[in-house]
Amino acid sequence: MTTWTPEKSEEAMIAGILEGSPDAVGVAVVRLTCGCRKMAAVDAKGDPASKLIIYRDKAQSICDLCKKDDGAFHRVEAAFIHWTPTAPTDGEKKIIEEKVLGTMPVPTSH
């Protein structure tokens, strides 16, 4: 299993989401093949703790394809949860990850 970590460009967005989400134990990060990103805070039950944010680095807005399909699952390049320092146990993390991200493997090539 691949362990993903935030890219430099994602770290500020994650920090901002966590700052506005006091109940959050982590931020779900979904990288799309088009370069857009989807992020949302999650709470200890795996429920949303913030609104979903879709953005693209160094761009005025998300790409036209994301505008049409909201970042469809088949275009996911990587998906993970960036946990806070007070994150749940490993067992709880697994349950939350399955609830938030699903159990399908993320494609590694297209």
Protein backbone atom coordinates (compact mmCIF):
# COMPACT_ATOMS: atom_id res chain seq x y z
CA MET A 1 0.00 0.00 0.00
CA THR A 2 1.33 3.42 -0.97
CA THR A 3 1.63 6.04 1.75
CA TRP A 4 0.86 9.43 0.28
CA THR A 5 1.96 12.73 1.75
CA PRO A 6 0.87 16.23 0.80
CA GLU A 7 2.82 18.11 -1.82
CA LYS A 8 4.15 21.55 -0.87
CA SER A 9 1.37 23.19 -2.86
CA GLU A 10 -1.29 21.22 -0.92
CA GLU A 11 0.03 21.95 2.58
CA ALA A 12 -1.33 25.52 2.83
CA MET A 13 -4.77 24.43 1.66
CA ILE A 14 -4.81 21.57 4.20
CA ALA A 15 -3.78 23.96 6.99
CA GLY A 16 -6.56 26.37 6.04
CA ILE A 17 -9.17 23.62 5.95
CA LEU A 18 -8.07 22.32 9.36
CA GLU A 19 -8.07 25.82 10.84
CA GLY A 20 -11.72 26.24 9.87
CA SER A 21 -12.75 22.75 10.94
CA PRO A 22 -12.35 22.27 14.71
CA ASP A 23 -13.89 18.76 14.66
CA ALA A 24 -11.52 17.50 11.96
CA VAL A 25 -9.12 14.61 12.53
CA GLY A 26 -7.80 14.81 8.98
CA VAL A 27 -8.26 16.13 5.46
CA ALA A 28 -9.16 13.88 2.55
CA VAL A 29 -7.02 14.75 -0.48
CA VAL A 30 -7.99 13.55 -3.95
CA ARG A 31 -5.63 14.25 -6.84
CA LEU A 32 -7.13 14.10 -10.30
CA THR A 33 -5.32 13.27 -13.54
CA CYS A 34 -6.14 16.76 -14.88
CA GLY A 35 -4.17 18.42 -12.07
CA CYS A 36 -7.16 19.57 -10.06
CA ARG A 37 -7.51 18.65 -6.37
CA LYS A 38 -10.51 17.87 -4.19
CA MET A 39 -10.19 18.27 -0.40
CA ALA A 40 -12.47 18.15 2.63
CA ALA A 41 -11.98 17.77 6.36
CA VAL A 42 -13.30 14.61 8.02
CA ASP A 43 -14.30 14.04 11.63
CA ALA A 44 -13.67 11.03 13.89
CA LYS A 45 -16.75 9.25 12.47
CA GLY A 46 -15.62 9.74 8.88
CA ASP A 47 -18.27 12.38 8.22
CA PRO A 48 -17.54 15.68 6.48
CA ALA A 49 -16.20 18.37 8.82
CA SER A 50 -15.95 21.04 6.09
CA LYS A 51 -17.26 21.81 2.65
CA LEU A 52 -15.67 20.07 -0.32
CA ILE A 53 -13.11 22.28 -2.05
CA ILE A 54 -12.07 21.73 -5.65
CA TYR A 55 -9.12 23.78 -6.88
CA ARG A 56 -6.21 23.81 -9.28
CA ASP A 57 -2.79 25.19 -8.38
CA LYS A 58 -1.81 28.44 -10.07
CA ALA A 59 -5.13 28.65 -11.94
CA GLN A 60 -8.10 31.01 -11.76
CA SER A 61 -10.50 28.05 -11.59
CA ILE A 62 -10.77 24.31 -11.99
CA CYS A 63 -10.51 22.73 -15.43
CA ASP A 64 -13.47 22.47 -17.82
CA LEU A 65 -13.71 18.71 -17.31
CA CYS A 66 -14.04 19.12 -13.52
CA LYS A 67 -16.67 21.81 -14.11
CA LYS A 68 -18.65 19.20 -16.04
CA ASP A 69 -18.18 16.10 -13.86
CA ASP A 70 -17.03 17.44 -10.44
CA GLY A 71 -13.84 15.39 -10.62
CA ALA A 72 -15.22 11.97 -11.53
CA PHE A 73 -13.87 8.89 -9.75
CA HIS A 74 -12.39 7.36 -12.90
CA ARG A 75 -10.00 10.33 -13.11
CA VAL A 76 -8.57 9.88 -9.59
CA GLU A 77 -4.80 9.62 -9.61
CA ALA A 78 -4.26 9.43 -5.84
CA ALA A 79 -6.43 9.66 -2.74
CA PHE A 80 -5.42 9.74 0.92
CA ILE A 81 -6.19 11.33 4.25
CA HIS A 82 -3.67 13.69 5.81
CA TRP A 83 -4.12 13.11 9.55
CA THR A 84 -3.82 15.68 12.33
CA PRO A 85 -1.34 15.04 15.18
CA THR A 86 -4.32 13.96 17.34
CA ALA A 87 -5.47 11.41 14.76
CA PRO A 88 -7.43 8.30 15.72
CA THR A 89 -5.87 4.87 16.20
CA ASP A 90 -4.70 2.88 13.19
CA GLY A 91 -7.85 0.73 13.33
CA GLU A 92 -10.08 3.80 13.41
CA LYS A 93 -8.09 5.37 10.57
CA LYS A 94 -8.73 2.31 8.39
CA ILE A 95 -12.49 2.50 9.03
CA ILE A 96 -12.55 6.24 8.27
CA GLU A 97 -10.45 5.80 5.11
CA GLU A 98 -12.81 3.11 3.80
CA LYS A 99 -15.86 5.26 4.55
CA VAL A 100 -14.39 8.41 2.99
CA LEU A 101 -12.29 7.02 0.12
CA GLY A 102 -13.89 3.64 -0.50
CA THR A 103 -12.21 0.28 -0.84
CA MET A 104 -11.41 0.29 -4.55
CA PRO A 105 -7.72 0.58 -5.37
CA VAL A 106 -6.76 3.91 -6.88
CA PRO A 107 -5.54 3.49 -10.46
CA THR A 108 -1.82 3.97 -10.91
CA SER A 109 -1.83 4.44 -14.69
CA HIS A 110 -4.34 5.23 -17.41
